[in-house]
Each structure stands twice: as C-alpha cells, then as structure tokens.
PDB file of N, CA and C in Angstrom:
ATOM      1  N   UNK A   1      38.544 -14.352  32.414  1.00  0.00           N
ATOM      2  CA  UNK A   1      37.035 -14.429  32.992  1.00  0.00           C
ATOM      3  C   UNK A   1      37.449 -13.450  33.974  1.00  0.00           C
ATOM      4  N   UNK A   2      37.091 -12.258  33.923  1.00  0.00           N
ATOM      5  CA  UNK A   2      37.847 -11.423  35.464  1.00  0.00           C
ATOM      6  C   UNK A   2      36.313 -11.362  36.031  1.00  0.00           C
ATOM      7  N   UNK A   3      36.498 -11.498  37.148  1.00  0.00           N
ATOM      8  CA  UNK A   3      34.661 -10.985  38.275  1.00  0.00           C
ATOM      9  C   UNK A   3      34.790  -9.295  38.306  1.00  0.00           C
ATOM     10  N   UNK A   4      34.195  -8.831  38.356  1.00  0.00           N
ATOM     11  CA  UNK A   4      34.637  -7.114  38.177  1.00  0.00           C
ATOM     12  C   UNK A   4      33.162  -6.515  39.360  1.00  0.00           C
ATOM     13  N   UNK A   5      31.967  -7.165  39.193  1.00  0.00           N
ATOM     14  CA  UNK A   5      31.632  -6.293  40.275  1.00  0.00           C
ATOM     15  C   UNK A   5      30.157  -7.979  40.568  1.00  0.00           C
ATOM     16  N   UNK A   6      30.298  -7.820  42.483  1.00  0.00           N
ATOM     17  CA  UNK A   6      29.337  -8.362  43.362  1.00  0.00           C
ATOM     18  C   UNK A   6      27.837  -7.387  43.077  1.00  0.00           C
ATOM     19  N   UNK A   7      26.775  -8.390  42.299  1.00  0.00           N
ATOM     20  CA  UNK A   7      25.193  -7.767  43.236  1.00  0.00           C
ATOM     21  C   UNK A   7      24.996  -8.272  43.770  1.00  0.00           C
ATOM     22  N   UNK A   8      24.934  -7.970  45.316  1.00  0.00           N
ATOM     23  CA  UNK A   8      23.344  -8.867  46.476  1.00  0.00           C
ATOM     24  C   UNK A   8      21.971  -8.523  46.604  1.00  0.00           C
ATOM     25  N   UNK A   9      21.154  -8.979  46.398  1.00  0.00           N
ATOM     26  CA  UNK A   9      19.752  -8.693  47.364  1.00  0.00           C
ATOM     27  C   UNK A   9      19.588  -9.550  47.925  1.00  0.00           C
ATOM     28  N   UNK A  10      19.156  -8.517  49.263  1.00  0.00           N
ATOM     29  CA  UNK A  10      18.489  -9.685  49.811  1.00  0.00           C
ATOM     30  C   UNK A  10      16.415  -8.862  50.281  1.00  0.00           C
ATOM     31  N   UNK A  11      16.201 -10.402  50.179  1.00  0.00           N
ATOM     32  CA  UNK A  11      14.649 -10.127  50.618  1.00  0.00           C
ATOM     33  C   UNK A  11      14.202 -10.598  52.091  1.00  0.00           C
ATOM     34  N   UNK A  12      14.513  -9.292  53.577  1.00  0.00           N
ATOM     35  CA  UNK A  12      14.116 -10.562  54.342  1.00  0.00           C
ATOM     36  C   UNK A  12      13.165  -9.888  54.819  1.00  0.00           C
ATOM     37  N   UNK A  13      12.656 -10.783  55.897  1.00  0.00           N
ATOM     38  CA  UNK A  13      11.433 -10.558  55.914  1.00  0.00           C
ATOM     39  C   UNK A  13      11.446 -10.029  57.988  1.00  0.00           C
ATOM     40  N   UNK A  14      11.090  -8.941  58.575  1.00  0.00           N
ATOM     41  CA  UNK A  14      11.514  -8.424  59.744  1.00  0.00           C
ATOM     42  C   UNK A  14      10.782  -8.090  60.145  1.00  0.00           C
ATOM     43  N   UNK A  15      10.932  -8.082  61.751  1.00  0.00           N
ATOM     44  CA  UNK A  15       9.469  -7.628  62.521  1.00  0.00           C
ATOM     45  C   UNK A  15       8.919  -6.011  62.398  1.00  0.00           C
ATOM     46  N   UNK A  16       8.434  -5.888  62.685  1.00  0.00           N
ATOM     47  CA  UNK A  16       8.421  -4.180  62.344  1.00  0.00           C
ATOM     48  C   UNK A  16       8.779  -3.476  63.470  1.00  0.00           C
ATOM     49  N   UNK A  17       8.927  -4.266  65.281  1.00  0.00           N
ATOM     50  CA  UNK A  17       9.901  -3.233  65.015  1.00  0.00           C
ATOM     51  C   UNK A  17      11.295  -3.509  65.878  1.00  0.00           C
ATOM     52  N   UNK A  18      11.525  -3.938  64.408  1.00  0.00           N
ATOM     53  CA  UNK A  18      12.959  -4.550  63.630  1.00  0.00           C
ATOM     54  C   UNK A  18      13.230  -3.865  62.924  1.00  0.00           C
ATOM     55  N   UNK A  19      12.540  -3.568  62.320  1.00  0.00           N
ATOM     56  CA  UNK A  19      12.606  -2.862  61.260  1.00  0.00           C
ATOM     57  C   UNK A  19      14.363  -1.539  60.930  1.00  0.00           C
ATOM     58  N   UNK A  20      14.382  -0.864  61.824  1.00  0.00           N
ATOM     59  CA  UNK A  20      15.576   0.086  61.812  1.00  0.00           C
ATOM     60  C   UNK A  20      17.196  -0.290  62.464  1.00  0.00           C
ATOM     61  N   UNK A  21      16.691  -1.250  63.257  1.00  0.00           N
ATOM     62  CA  UNK A  21      18.050  -1.758  63.659  1.00  0.00           C
ATOM     63  C   UNK A  21      18.659  -2.613  62.229  1.00  0.00           C
ATOM     64  N   UNK A  22      17.737  -3.175  61.005  1.00  0.00           N
ATOM     65  CA  UNK A  22      18.385  -4.354  60.638  1.00  0.00           C
ATOM     66  C   UNK A  22      18.593  -2.890  59.155  1.00  0.00           C
ATOM     67  N   UNK A  23      17.645  -2.160  59.555  1.00  0.00           N
ATOM     68  CA  UNK A  23      18.864  -0.731  58.357  1.00  0.00           C
ATOM     69  C   UNK A  23      19.862  -0.373  59.112  1.00  0.00           C
ATOM     70  N   UNK A  24      20.019  -0.375  60.022  1.00  0.00           N
ATOM     71  CA  UNK A  24      21.256  -0.086  60.430  1.00  0.00           C
ATOM     72  C   UNK A  24      22.856  -0.849  60.325  1.00  0.00           C
ATOM     73  N   UNK A  25      21.879  -2.206  60.525  1.00  0.00           N
ATOM     74  CA  UNK A  25      22.707  -3.119  60.056  1.00  0.00           C
ATOM     75  C   UNK A  25      23.408  -3.772  58.926  1.00  0.00           C
ATOM     76  N   UNK A  26      22.439  -3.785  58.282  1.00  0.00           N
ATOM     77  CA  UNK A  26      23.132  -3.687  56.511  1.00  0.00           C
ATOM     78  C   UNK A  26      23.186  -2.262  56.077  1.00  0.00           C
ATOM     79  N   UNK A  27      23.631  -1.175  57.170  1.00  0.00           N
ATOM     80  CA  UNK A  27      24.968   0.142  56.962  1.00  0.00           C
ATOM     81  C   UNK A  27      25.702  -0.052  56.714  1.00  0.00           C
ATOM     82  N   UNK A  28      26.007  -0.780  57.695  1.00  0.00           N
ATOM     83  CA  UNK A  28      27.239  -0.732  58.467  1.00  0.00           C
ATOM     84  C   UNK A  28      28.135  -2.474  57.877  1.00  0.00           C
ATOM     85  N   UNK A  29      26.792  -2.636  57.036  1.00  0.00           N
ATOM     86  CA  UNK A  29      27.428  -4.530  56.568  1.00  0.00           C
ATOM     87  C   UNK A  29      28.699  -4.846  56.010  1.00  0.00           C
ATOM     88  N   UNK A  30      28.515  -3.348  54.410  1.00  0.00           N
ATOM     89  CA  UNK A  30      30.036  -3.198  53.693  1.00  0.00           C
ATOM     90  C   UNK A  30      31.706  -2.594  53.988  1.00  0.00           C
ATOM     91  N   UNK A  31      30.913  -1.947  55.419  1.00  0.00           N
ATOM     92  CA  UNK A  31      32.411  -1.770  55.888  1.00  0.00           C
ATOM     93  C   UNK A  31      32.708  -2.966  57.175  1.00  0.00           C
ATOM     94  N   UNK A  32      32.238  -3.838  57.831  1.00  0.00           N
ATOM     95  CA  UNK A  32      32.803  -4.614  58.816  1.00  0.00           C
ATOM     96  C   UNK A  32      32.068  -5.746  58.994  1.00  0.00           C
ATOM     97  N   UNK A  33      31.936  -6.380  56.880  1.00  0.00           N
ATOM     98  CA  UNK A  33      32.157  -7.359  56.515  1.00  0.00           C
ATOM     99  C   UNK A  33      33.463  -8.106  56.007  1.00  0.00           C
ATOM    100  N   UNK A  34      34.560  -8.864  56.761  1.00  0.00           N
ATOM    101  CA  UNK A  34      35.245  -9.323  56.669  1.00  0.00           C
ATOM    102  C   UNK A  34      35.317 -10.140  55.094  1.00  0.00           C
ATOM    103  N   UNK A  35      34.457 -10.401  54.472  1.00  0.00           N
ATOM    104  CA  UNK A  35      34.527 -10.833  53.368  1.00  0.00           C
ATOM    105  C   UNK A  35      34.693  -9.549  52.574  1.00  0.00           C
ATOM    106  N   UNK A  36      33.192  -9.293  52.338  1.00  0.00           N
ATOM    107  CA  UNK A  36      33.004  -7.977  51.982  1.00  0.00           C
ATOM    108  C   UNK A  36      34.488  -7.244  51.584  1.00  0.00           C
ATOM    109  N   UNK A  37      35.107  -7.491  52.413  1.00  0.00           N
ATOM    110  CA  UNK A  37      36.341  -6.454  53.047  1.00  0.00           C
ATOM    111  C   UNK A  37      37.801  -7.186  52.189  1.00  0.00           C
ATOM    112  N   UNK A  38      38.120  -8.059  51.830  1.00  0.00           N
ATOM    113  CA  UNK A  38      39.007  -8.842  51.763  1.00  0.00           C
ATOM    114  C   UNK A  38      38.293  -8.292  49.224  1.00  0.00           C
ATOM    115  N   UNK A  39      37.327  -8.435  49.591  1.00  0.00           N
ATOM    116  CA  UNK A  39      37.616  -8.121  47.885  1.00  0.00           C
ATOM    117  C   UNK A  39      37.212  -7.148  46.684  1.00  0.00           C
ATOM    118  N   UNK A  40      36.664  -5.996  48.228  1.00  0.00           N
ATOM    119  CA  UNK A  40      36.010  -4.965  47.197  1.00  0.00           C
ATOM    120  C   UNK A  40      37.351  -3.722  46.888  1.00  0.00           C
ATOM    121  N   UNK A  41      38.922  -3.961  46.861  1.00  0.00           N
ATOM    122  CA  UNK A  41      40.188  -3.355  46.968  1.00  0.00           C
ATOM    123  C   UNK A  41      40.393  -4.378  44.997  1.00  0.00           C
ATOM    124  N   UNK A  42      39.651  -5.295  44.421  1.00  0.00           N
ATOM    125  CA  UNK A  42      39.004  -5.316  43.069  1.00  0.00           C
ATOM    126  C   UNK A  42      37.561  -5.249  42.235  1.00  0.00           C
ATOM    127  N   UNK A  43      37.050  -5.906  43.230  1.00  0.00           N
ATOM    128  CA  UNK A  43      35.937  -5.785  43.552  1.00  0.00           C
ATOM    129  C   UNK A  43      34.913  -4.703  43.575  1.00  0.00           C
ATOM    130  N   UNK A  44      34.281  -4.089  43.007  1.00  0.00           N
ATOM    131  CA  UNK A  44      32.821  -3.168  42.861  1.00  0.00           C
ATOM    132  C   UNK A  44      31.634  -4.374  43.564  1.00  0.00           C
ATOM    133  N   UNK A  45      31.397  -4.308  45.268  1.00  0.00           N
ATOM    134  CA  UNK A  45      30.558  -4.990  45.872  1.00  0.00           C
ATOM    135  C   UNK A  45      28.905  -4.276  45.999  1.00  0.00           C
ATOM    136  N   UNK A  46      27.937  -4.367  46.024  1.00  0.00           N
ATOM    137  CA  UNK A  46      26.406  -3.302  45.891  1.00  0.00           C
ATOM    138  C   UNK A  46      25.852  -4.368  46.262  1.00  0.00           C
ATOM    139  N   UNK A  47      24.785  -3.724  46.423  1.00  0.00           N
ATOM    140  CA  UNK A  47      23.953  -4.527  47.338  1.00  0.00           C
ATOM    141  C   UNK A  47      22.553  -3.454  47.670  1.00  0.00           C
ATOM    142  N   UNK A  48      21.498  -4.290  47.656  1.00  0.00           N
ATOM    143  CA  UNK A  48      20.034  -3.820  47.906  1.00  0.00           C
ATOM    144  C   UNK A  48      19.233  -4.406  48.627  1.00  0.00           C
ATOM    145  N   UNK A  49      18.456  -4.328  49.791  1.00  0.00           N
ATOM    146  CA  UNK A  49      17.677  -4.938  50.639  1.00  0.00           C
ATOM    147  C   UNK A  49      15.568  -4.471  50.147  1.00  0.00           C
ATOM    148  N   UNK A  50      15.157  -5.747  50.170  1.00  0.00           N
ATOM    149  CA  UNK A  50      13.955  -5.656  50.452  1.00  0.00           C
ATOM    150  C   UNK A  50      13.582  -6.215  51.174  1.00  0.00           C
ATOM    151  N   UNK A  51      11.684  -5.739  52.639  1.00  0.00           N
ATOM    152  CA  UNK A  51      11.418  -5.594  53.619  1.00  0.00           C
ATOM    153  C   UNK A  51      10.930  -5.375  53.233  1.00  0.00           C
ATOM    154  N   UNK A  52      10.026  -7.298  53.968  1.00  0.00           N
ATOM    155  CA  UNK A  52       8.767  -7.421  54.493  1.00  0.00           C
ATOM    156  C   UNK A  52       7.977  -7.208  56.180  1.00  0.00           C
ATOM    157  N   UNK A  53       7.540  -6.329  56.381  1.00  0.00           N
ATOM    158  CA  UNK A  53       7.503  -6.433  58.037  1.00  0.00           C
ATOM    159  C   UNK A  53       6.324  -7.739  58.376  1.00  0.00           C
ATOM    160  N   UNK A  54       6.538  -8.373  59.617  1.00  0.00           N
ATOM    161  CA  UNK A  54       5.975  -9.956  60.147  1.00  0.00           C
ATOM    162  C   UNK A  54       5.431  -9.569  61.663  1.00  0.00           C
TER     163      UNK A  54
END
C-alpha cells in the first residue's frame, strides 16, 4: 500500500471580522506548513475549507 493523496477538509468557526485573515492564512498553508512540505514531493496534498461566521 502506498499513500499518493491526502485530502484535508477544515470546518472552521470564524468571527466575521477575521474571515479574510483566516482565508489568507489558509492560502499559504501548503507552502508554509513543514509537514505539508515534507510530504509534497511524493504525495499530492489537497485541502478545502468551510467557514461558519460566528
């Protein structure tokens, strides 16, 4: 068995005034996360996020 893909789905509760900041942070997640960087050479990492404003 070989892992070829990792899919992450975030379900986030975010204050309305922080929604944009959280979106920017997730936008750089893949290139800023050491764990993602260590596996992306051989494993495709994809993510998506659902936001609930609180």
